[in-house]
Amino acid sequence: MRKISKAGISFAAAGLLVTGVVGAGVAANAAPTSNVHLAASSSTVPAPLAAVPEVFGGDTSVALDSNFLAALKSLKLTPGTSGNAKLSGTDISFPITGGSLAYWNPKGDYRPYVQGILQHTGSGLTLKAGSTTVTLEDLTVNPGNSKLYGDVLVNGKVAAEQAYIFSLHGGTLKPLTMDGKNGVLTGTTVHVSGTAAKLLNSTFKTDAVKADLLVGVATISAQITK
């Protein structure tokens, strides 16, 4: 894996930037249902180092924190997967099924320097206790507002659609690198949102799930070229 140079990620020169308004769509405050449109130029927004209007695949993985796993064990909750997600040891991964990304120089003043939408349709995380299973699936990552959304199912029945499940803290995010056809962003920490904590506590009859509980560290490996 290698760190990308400015020349290596200047996709604008390759014609990958499409017309639109960066500030209006990329950092939306809710879970969008379609890809964003990225601007090639703007009087107020600097040109991104990299802009990918269509992500072709890849995955988002989370290295689950040992304290999170210990908290699940204390609550007698067993983690698992649904659909195409994979759980290997303490790492869980979700295939990327669509989306778009833009990346600005993290040393510059423009924030948030990672914006876009990444969709993970058809996979999810399950939490099971006794006869009750909560499934968090069809995840949507929005790095622009540092939130992760998803559908919430209780024993197969939809309890909420595209609810705000996890918060994303990017203070430890490392610079964009390339691994073959994939652009890799790693280091963002994932935390339980207040919305998810309330829902889980209500479902499993407890008050032990706290908002901002660290879930783990995320790595996005998005296929940005065919």
C-alpha atoms as a PDB file:
ATOM      1  CA  MET A   1       0.000   0.000   0.000  1.00  0.00           C
ATOM      2  CA  ARG A   2       1.352   3.436  -0.837  1.00  0.00           C
ATOM      3  CA  LYS A   3       0.454   7.001  -0.004  1.00  0.00           C
ATOM      4  CA  ILE A   4      -1.043   8.797  -2.981  1.00  0.00           C
ATOM      5  CA  SER A   5       0.752  11.813  -4.379  1.00  0.00           C
ATOM      6  CA  LYS A   6      -1.185  14.851  -5.527  1.00  0.00           C
ATOM      7  CA  ALA A   7      -0.408  13.953  -9.119  1.00  0.00           C
ATOM      8  CA  GLY A   8      -1.522  10.376  -8.596  1.00  0.00           C
ATOM      9  CA  ILE A   9      -4.972  11.302  -7.343  1.00  0.00           C
ATOM     10  CA  SER A  10      -5.754  14.291  -9.540  1.00  0.00           C
ATOM     11  CA  PHE A  11      -8.695  12.584 -11.212  1.00  0.00           C
ATOM     12  CA  ALA A  12      -9.888  15.941 -12.518  1.00  0.00           C
ATOM     13  CA  ALA A  13      -7.260  15.646 -15.227  1.00  0.00           C
ATOM     14  CA  ALA A  14      -8.755  12.277 -16.179  1.00  0.00           C
ATOM     15  CA  GLY A  15     -12.215  13.768 -16.532  1.00  0.00           C
ATOM     16  CA  LEU A  16     -13.781  12.128 -13.462  1.00  0.00           C
ATOM     17  CA  LEU A  17     -15.225  15.332 -12.011  1.00  0.00           C
ATOM     18  CA  VAL A  18     -18.862  15.951 -12.848  1.00  0.00           C
ATOM     19  CA  THR A  19     -20.932  19.122 -12.735  1.00  0.00           C
ATOM     20  CA  GLY A  20     -22.807  19.973  -9.541  1.00  0.00           C
ATOM     21  CA  VAL A  21     -22.572  21.896  -6.310  1.00  0.00           C
ATOM     22  CA  VAL A  22     -20.270  20.399  -3.695  1.00  0.00           C
ATOM     23  CA  GLY A  23     -21.635  22.105  -0.619  1.00  0.00           C
ATOM     24  CA  ALA A  24     -25.281  21.396  -1.412  1.00  0.00           C
ATOM     25  CA  GLY A  25     -25.230  17.636  -1.777  1.00  0.00           C
ATOM     26  CA  VAL A  26     -22.062  16.042  -0.522  1.00  0.00           C
ATOM     27  CA  ALA A  27     -22.386  16.921   3.143  1.00  0.00           C
ATOM     28  CA  ALA A  28     -26.112  16.304   3.504  1.00  0.00           C
ATOM     29  CA  ASN A  29     -27.501  16.120   7.038  1.00  0.00           C
ATOM     30  CA  ALA A  30     -29.562  13.001   6.399  1.00  0.00           C
ATOM     31  CA  ALA A  31     -28.942   9.693   4.706  1.00  0.00           C
ATOM     32  CA  PRO A  32     -29.220  10.425   0.968  1.00  0.00           C
ATOM     33  CA  THR A  33     -30.819   7.923  -1.373  1.00  0.00           C
ATOM     34  CA  SER A  34     -28.710   8.682  -4.439  1.00  0.00           C
ATOM     35  CA  ASN A  35     -25.144   9.494  -5.389  1.00  0.00           C
ATOM     36  CA  VAL A  36     -23.885  13.027  -4.924  1.00  0.00           C
ATOM     37  CA  HIS A  37     -22.659  15.308  -7.696  1.00  0.00           C
ATOM     38  CA  LEU A  38     -19.238  16.839  -7.337  1.00  0.00           C
ATOM     39  CA  ALA A  39     -18.176  20.219  -8.662  1.00  0.00           C
ATOM     40  CA  ALA A  40     -15.129  20.667 -10.842  1.00  0.00           C
ATOM     41  CA  SER A  41     -14.714  24.244  -9.671  1.00  0.00           C
ATOM     42  CA  SER A  42     -16.336  26.750  -7.355  1.00  0.00           C
ATOM     43  CA  SER A  43     -15.625  30.274  -6.186  1.00  0.00           C
ATOM     44  CA  THR A  44     -15.786  29.142  -2.545  1.00  0.00           C
ATOM     45  CA  VAL A  45     -14.853  25.456  -2.654  1.00  0.00           C
ATOM     46  CA  PRO A  46     -11.338  24.426  -3.670  1.00  0.00           C
ATOM     47  CA  ALA A  47     -10.934  21.676  -6.223  1.00  0.00           C
ATOM     48  CA  PRO A  48     -10.576  18.290  -4.500  1.00  0.00           C
ATOM     49  CA  LEU A  49      -7.415  16.240  -4.883  1.00  0.00           C
ATOM     50  CA  ALA A  50      -9.610  13.316  -5.880  1.00  0.00           C
ATOM     51  CA  ALA A  51     -13.238  13.083  -6.928  1.00  0.00           C
ATOM     52  CA  VAL A  52     -14.915   9.799  -7.784  1.00  0.00           C
ATOM     53  CA  PRO A  53     -18.517  10.201  -9.016  1.00  0.00           C
ATOM     54  CA  GLU A  54     -19.037   6.431  -9.024  1.00  0.00           C
ATOM     55  CA  VAL A  55     -17.560   3.881  -6.637  1.00  0.00           C
ATOM     56  CA  PHE A  56     -17.456   0.450  -8.262  1.00  0.00           C
ATOM     57  CA  GLY A  57     -17.072  -1.783  -5.199  1.00  0.00           C
ATOM     58  CA  GLY A  58     -14.769  -2.508  -2.285  1.00  0.00           C
ATOM     59  CA  ASP A  59     -15.760  -2.781   1.354  1.00  0.00           C
ATOM     60  CA  THR A  60     -15.983  -0.976   4.654  1.00  0.00           C
ATOM     61  CA  SER A  61     -14.528  -2.924   7.548  1.00  0.00           C
ATOM     62  CA  VAL A  62     -14.466  -2.271  11.279  1.00  0.00           C
ATOM     63  CA  ALA A  63     -11.895  -3.696  13.678  1.00  0.00           C
ATOM     64  CA  LEU A  64     -14.153  -4.186  16.695  1.00  0.00           C
ATOM     65  CA  ASP A  65     -12.818  -2.707  19.923  1.00  0.00           C
ATOM     66  CA  SER A  66     -12.132  -5.150  22.772  1.00  0.00           C
ATOM     67  CA  ASN A  67     -14.158  -3.035  25.224  1.00  0.00           C
ATOM     68  CA  PHE A  68     -17.121  -3.065  22.832  1.00  0.00           C
ATOM     69  CA  LEU A  69     -16.946  -6.847  22.591  1.00  0.00           C
ATOM     70  CA  ALA A  70     -16.652  -7.072  26.373  1.00  0.00           C
ATOM     71  CA  ALA A  71     -19.713  -4.850  26.739  1.00  0.00           C
ATOM     72  CA  LEU A  72     -21.687  -7.103  24.374  1.00  0.00           C
ATOM     73  CA  LYS A  73     -20.605 -10.169  26.355  1.00  0.00           C
ATOM     74  CA  SER A  74     -21.675  -8.586  29.653  1.00  0.00           C
ATOM     75  CA  LEU A  75     -25.094  -7.947  28.117  1.00  0.00           C
ATOM     76  CA  LYS A  76     -25.187 -11.528  26.779  1.00  0.00           C
ATOM     77  CA  LEU A  77     -25.363 -10.129  23.235  1.00  0.00           C
ATOM     78  CA  THR A  78     -23.816 -12.197  20.453  1.00  0.00           C
ATOM     79  CA  PRO A  79     -22.629 -10.312  17.360  1.00  0.00           C
ATOM     80  CA  GLY A  80     -23.147 -11.771  13.901  1.00  0.00           C
ATOM     81  CA  THR A  81     -23.779 -10.804  10.308  1.00  0.00           C
ATOM     82  CA  SER A  82     -26.608 -10.637   7.814  1.00  0.00           C
ATOM     83  CA  GLY A  83     -26.551 -10.850   4.031  1.00  0.00           C
ATOM     84  CA  ASN A  84     -23.118 -10.421   2.471  1.00  0.00           C
ATOM     85  CA  ALA A  85     -21.315  -9.106   5.552  1.00  0.00           C
ATOM     86  CA  LYS A  86     -18.388 -11.120   6.900  1.00  0.00           C
ATOM     87  CA  LEU A  87     -17.163 -11.521  10.474  1.00  0.00           C
ATOM     88  CA  SER A  88     -13.626 -12.846  10.854  1.00  0.00           C
ATOM     89  CA  GLY A  89     -12.241 -12.798  14.367  1.00  0.00           C
ATOM     90  CA  THR A  90     -12.811  -9.247  15.592  1.00  0.00           C
ATOM     91  CA  ASP A  91     -13.124  -7.739  12.093  1.00  0.00           C
ATOM     92  CA  ILE A  92     -16.476  -7.222  10.386  1.00  0.00           C
ATOM     93  CA  SER A  93     -16.764  -6.077   6.770  1.00  0.00           C
ATOM     94  CA  PHE A  94     -19.588  -4.862   4.538  1.00  0.00           C
ATOM     95  CA  PRO A  95     -19.336  -4.805   0.714  1.00  0.00           C
ATOM     96  CA  ILE A  96     -19.705  -1.354  -0.871  1.00  0.00           C
ATOM     97  CA  THR A  97     -22.547  -1.463  -3.401  1.00  0.00           C
ATOM     98  CA  GLY A  98     -22.482   2.127  -4.658  1.00  0.00           C
ATOM     99  CA  GLY A  99     -21.711   5.736  -3.919  1.00  0.00           C
ATOM    100  CA  SER A 100     -19.262   8.531  -4.642  1.00  0.00           C
ATOM    101  CA  LEU A 101     -16.384  10.263  -2.887  1.00  0.00           C
ATOM    102  CA  ALA A 102     -14.414  13.499  -2.886  1.00  0.00           C
ATOM    103  CA  TYR A 103     -11.147  14.056  -1.043  1.00  0.00           C
ATOM    104  CA  TRP A 104      -9.454  17.372  -0.283  1.00  0.00           C
ATOM    105  CA  ASN A 105      -5.952  17.965   1.034  1.00  0.00           C
ATOM    106  CA  PRO A 106      -6.135  17.308   4.802  1.00  0.00           C
ATOM    107  CA  LYS A 107      -3.382  19.901   5.306  1.00  0.00           C
ATOM    108  CA  GLY A 108      -5.594  22.587   3.793  1.00  0.00           C
ATOM    109  CA  ASP A 109      -8.335  24.599   5.467  1.00  0.00           C
ATOM    110  CA  TYR A 110     -11.350  23.057   3.714  1.00  0.00           C
ATOM    111  CA  ARG A 111     -13.516  20.851   5.934  1.00  0.00           C
ATOM    112  CA  PRO A 112     -14.782  18.206   5.926  1.00  0.00           C
ATOM    113  CA  TYR A 113     -11.983  17.036   3.663  1.00  0.00           C
ATOM    114  CA  VAL A 114     -13.679  13.696   2.943  1.00  0.00           C
ATOM    115  CA  GLN A 115     -17.211  13.938   1.562  1.00  0.00           C
ATOM    116  CA  GLY A 116     -19.583  11.649  -0.284  1.00  0.00           C
ATOM    117  CA  ILE A 117     -21.900   8.696   0.186  1.00  0.00           C
ATOM    118  CA  LEU A 118     -21.079   4.999   0.428  1.00  0.00           C
ATOM    119  CA  GLN A 119     -23.895   2.446   0.315  1.00  0.00           C
ATOM    120  CA  HIS A 120     -23.785  -1.122   1.639  1.00  0.00           C
ATOM    121  CA  THR A 121     -27.045  -2.655   0.462  1.00  0.00           C
ATOM    122  CA  GLY A 122     -27.712  -6.272   1.385  1.00  0.00           C
ATOM    123  CA  SER A 123     -25.439  -6.687   4.412  1.00  0.00           C
ATOM    124  CA  GLY A 124     -25.501  -5.862   8.085  1.00  0.00           C
ATOM    125  CA  LEU A 125     -24.583  -6.475  11.725  1.00  0.00           C
ATOM    126  CA  THR A 126     -26.767  -8.599  14.026  1.00  0.00           C
ATOM    127  CA  LEU A 127     -26.964  -8.542  17.821  1.00  0.00           C
ATOM    128  CA  LYS A 128     -28.751 -11.492  19.413  1.00  0.00           C
ATOM    129  CA  ALA A 129     -29.863 -12.197  22.975  1.00  0.00           C
ATOM    130  CA  GLY A 130     -32.194 -15.123  23.669  1.00  0.00           C
ATOM    131  CA  SER A 131     -35.029 -15.029  21.182  1.00  0.00           C
ATOM    132  CA  THR A 132     -34.420 -11.406  20.179  1.00  0.00           C
ATOM    133  CA  THR A 133     -32.258 -10.420  17.219  1.00  0.00           C
ATOM    134  CA  VAL A 134     -31.582  -6.812  16.202  1.00  0.00           C
ATOM    135  CA  THR A 135     -30.250  -6.350  12.676  1.00  0.00           C
ATOM    136  CA  LEU A 136     -28.541  -3.159  11.502  1.00  0.00           C
ATOM    137  CA  GLU A 137     -28.365  -3.392   7.711  1.00  0.00           C
ATOM    138  CA  ASP A 138     -28.271  -1.516   4.390  1.00  0.00           C
ATOM    139  CA  LEU A 139     -25.708   0.814   5.899  1.00  0.00           C
ATOM    140  CA  THR A 140     -25.040   4.273   4.437  1.00  0.00           C
ATOM    141  CA  VAL A 141     -21.810   6.039   5.348  1.00  0.00           C
ATOM    142  CA  ASN A 142     -21.807   9.834   5.042  1.00  0.00           C
ATOM    143  CA  PRO A 143     -18.294  11.096   5.904  1.00  0.00           C
ATOM    144  CA  GLY A 144     -19.410  14.647   5.178  1.00  0.00           C
ATOM    145  CA  ASN A 145     -21.549  14.804   8.311  1.00  0.00           C
ATOM    146  CA  SER A 146     -19.676  12.042  10.184  1.00  0.00           C
ATOM    147  CA  LYS A 147     -22.700   9.773  10.467  1.00  0.00           C
ATOM    148  CA  LEU A 148     -23.583   6.208   9.534  1.00  0.00           C
ATOM    149  CA  TYR A 149     -27.210   5.321   8.872  1.00  0.00           C
ATOM    150  CA  GLY A 150     -28.979   1.999   8.510  1.00  0.00           C
ATOM    151  CA  ASP A 151     -32.245   0.106   8.625  1.00  0.00           C
ATOM    152  CA  VAL A 152     -33.022  -1.416  12.022  1.00  0.00           C
ATOM    153  CA  LEU A 153     -34.931  -4.696  12.214  1.00  0.00           C
ATOM    154  CA  VAL A 154     -36.117  -6.514  15.339  1.00  0.00           C
ATOM    155  CA  ASN A 155     -36.711 -10.208  14.698  1.00  0.00           C
ATOM    156  CA  GLY A 156     -36.976  -9.469  10.996  1.00  0.00           C
ATOM    157  CA  LYS A 157     -39.490  -6.630  11.311  1.00  0.00           C
ATOM    158  CA  VAL A 158     -38.454  -3.097  10.379  1.00  0.00           C
ATOM    159  CA  ALA A 159     -38.263  -0.824  13.425  1.00  0.00           C
ATOM    160  CA  ALA A 160     -36.638   2.157  11.687  1.00  0.00           C
ATOM    161  CA  GLU A 161     -35.444   3.005   8.191  1.00  0.00           C
ATOM    162  CA  GLN A 162     -32.086   4.701   7.680  1.00  0.00           C
ATOM    163  CA  ALA A 163     -31.798   5.620  11.339  1.00  0.00           C
ATOM    164  CA  TYR A 164     -28.696   7.399  12.621  1.00  0.00           C
ATOM    165  CA  ILE A 165     -26.838   4.409  14.110  1.00  0.00           C
ATOM    166  CA  PHE A 166     -23.184   5.331  14.514  1.00  0.00           C
ATOM    167  CA  SER A 167     -21.131   8.515  14.707  1.00  0.00           C
ATOM    168  CA  LEU A 168     -17.782   8.734  12.924  1.00  0.00           C
ATOM    169  CA  HIS A 169     -14.853  10.530  14.540  1.00  0.00           C
ATOM    170  CA  GLY A 170     -12.234  11.394  11.928  1.00  0.00           C
ATOM    171  CA  GLY A 171      -9.574  12.986  14.111  1.00  0.00           C
ATOM    172  CA  THR A 172      -7.323   9.933  13.708  1.00  0.00           C
ATOM    173  CA  LEU A 173      -8.039   9.423   9.987  1.00  0.00           C
ATOM    174  CA  LYS A 174      -4.874   8.728   8.001  1.00  0.00           C
ATOM    175  CA  PRO A 175      -4.152  10.246   4.552  1.00  0.00           C
ATOM    176  CA  LEU A 176      -5.673   8.579   1.512  1.00  0.00           C
ATOM    177  CA  THR A 177      -3.607   5.721   0.077  1.00  0.00           C
ATOM    178  CA  MET A 178      -3.959   3.445  -2.945  1.00  0.00           C
ATOM    179  CA  ASP A 179      -4.013  -0.347  -2.949  1.00  0.00           C
ATOM    180  CA  GLY A 180      -4.392  -1.477  -6.554  1.00  0.00           C
ATOM    181  CA  LYS A 181      -7.697  -0.067  -7.829  1.00  0.00           C
ATOM    182  CA  ASN A 182      -8.877   0.812  -4.317  1.00  0.00           C
ATOM    183  CA  GLY A 183      -8.600   4.113  -2.514  1.00  0.00           C
ATOM    184  CA  VAL A 184      -8.104   3.370   1.193  1.00  0.00           C
ATOM    185  CA  LEU A 185      -9.117   5.556   4.134  1.00  0.00           C
ATOM    186  CA  THR A 186      -8.382   4.147   7.583  1.00  0.00           C
ATOM    187  CA  GLY A 187      -8.333   5.374  11.169  1.00  0.00           C
ATOM    188  CA  THR A 188     -11.848   6.760  11.680  1.00  0.00           C
ATOM    189  CA  THR A 189     -13.342   5.601  14.984  1.00  0.00           C
ATOM    190  CA  VAL A 190     -16.945   4.397  15.060  1.00  0.00           C
ATOM    191  CA  HIS A 191     -19.191   5.136  18.055  1.00  0.00           C
ATOM    192  CA  VAL A 192     -22.746   4.202  19.068  1.00  0.00           C
ATOM    193  CA  SER A 193     -25.134   7.107  18.479  1.00  0.00           C
ATOM    194  CA  GLY A 194     -27.638   8.272  21.067  1.00  0.00           C
ATOM    195  CA  THR A 195     -30.424   7.054  18.788  1.00  0.00           C
ATOM    196  CA  ALA A 196     -28.972   3.541  18.579  1.00  0.00           C
ATOM    197  CA  ALA A 197     -28.218   3.403  22.316  1.00  0.00           C
ATOM    198  CA  LYS A 198     -31.811   4.261  23.150  1.00  0.00           C
ATOM    199  CA  LEU A 199     -33.187   1.704  20.698  1.00  0.00           C
ATOM    200  CA  LEU A 200     -30.896  -1.104  21.879  1.00  0.00           C
ATOM    201  CA  ASN A 201     -31.597  -0.387  25.532  1.00  0.00           C
ATOM    202  CA  SER A 202     -35.325  -0.444  24.872  1.00  0.00           C
ATOM    203  CA  THR A 203     -35.181  -3.658  22.851  1.00  0.00           C
ATOM    204  CA  PHE A 204     -32.935  -5.608  25.231  1.00  0.00           C
ATOM    205  CA  LYS A 205     -34.442  -4.168  28.441  1.00  0.00           C
ATOM    206  CA  THR A 206     -31.261  -2.575  29.759  1.00  0.00           C
ATOM    207  CA  ASP A 207     -29.650   0.810  30.313  1.00  0.00           C
ATOM    208  CA  ALA A 208     -26.098  -0.370  29.798  1.00  0.00           C
ATOM    209  CA  VAL A 209     -25.621   0.735  26.186  1.00  0.00           C
ATOM    210  CA  LYS A 210     -24.180   4.231  26.360  1.00  0.00           C
ATOM    211  CA  ALA A 211     -24.124   6.856  23.638  1.00  0.00           C
ATOM    212  CA  ASP A 212     -20.643   7.383  22.154  1.00  0.00           C
ATOM    213  CA  LEU A 213     -19.494   3.860  23.120  1.00  0.00           C
ATOM    214  CA  LEU A 214     -16.485   3.047  20.922  1.00  0.00           C
ATOM    215  CA  VAL A 215     -17.344   0.273  18.467  1.00  0.00           C
ATOM    216  CA  GLY A 216     -14.023   0.092  16.644  1.00  0.00           C
ATOM    217  CA  VAL A 217     -11.805   1.561  13.945  1.00  0.00           C
ATOM    218  CA  ALA A 218     -13.064   1.709  10.353  1.00  0.00           C
ATOM    219  CA  THR A 219     -11.238   1.173   7.085  1.00  0.00           C
ATOM    220  CA  ILE A 220     -12.889   2.111   3.798  1.00  0.00           C
ATOM    221  CA  SER A 221     -11.410   0.401   0.752  1.00  0.00           C
ATOM    222  CA  ALA A 222     -13.364   1.804  -2.189  1.00  0.00           C
ATOM    223  CA  GLN A 223     -12.787   0.624  -5.760  1.00  0.00           C
ATOM    224  CA  ILE A 224     -12.427   3.881  -7.657  1.00  0.00           C
ATOM    225  CA  THR A 225     -11.456   2.549 -11.100  1.00  0.00           C
ATOM    226  CA  LYS A 226     -12.713  -0.420 -13.111  1.00  0.00           C
END
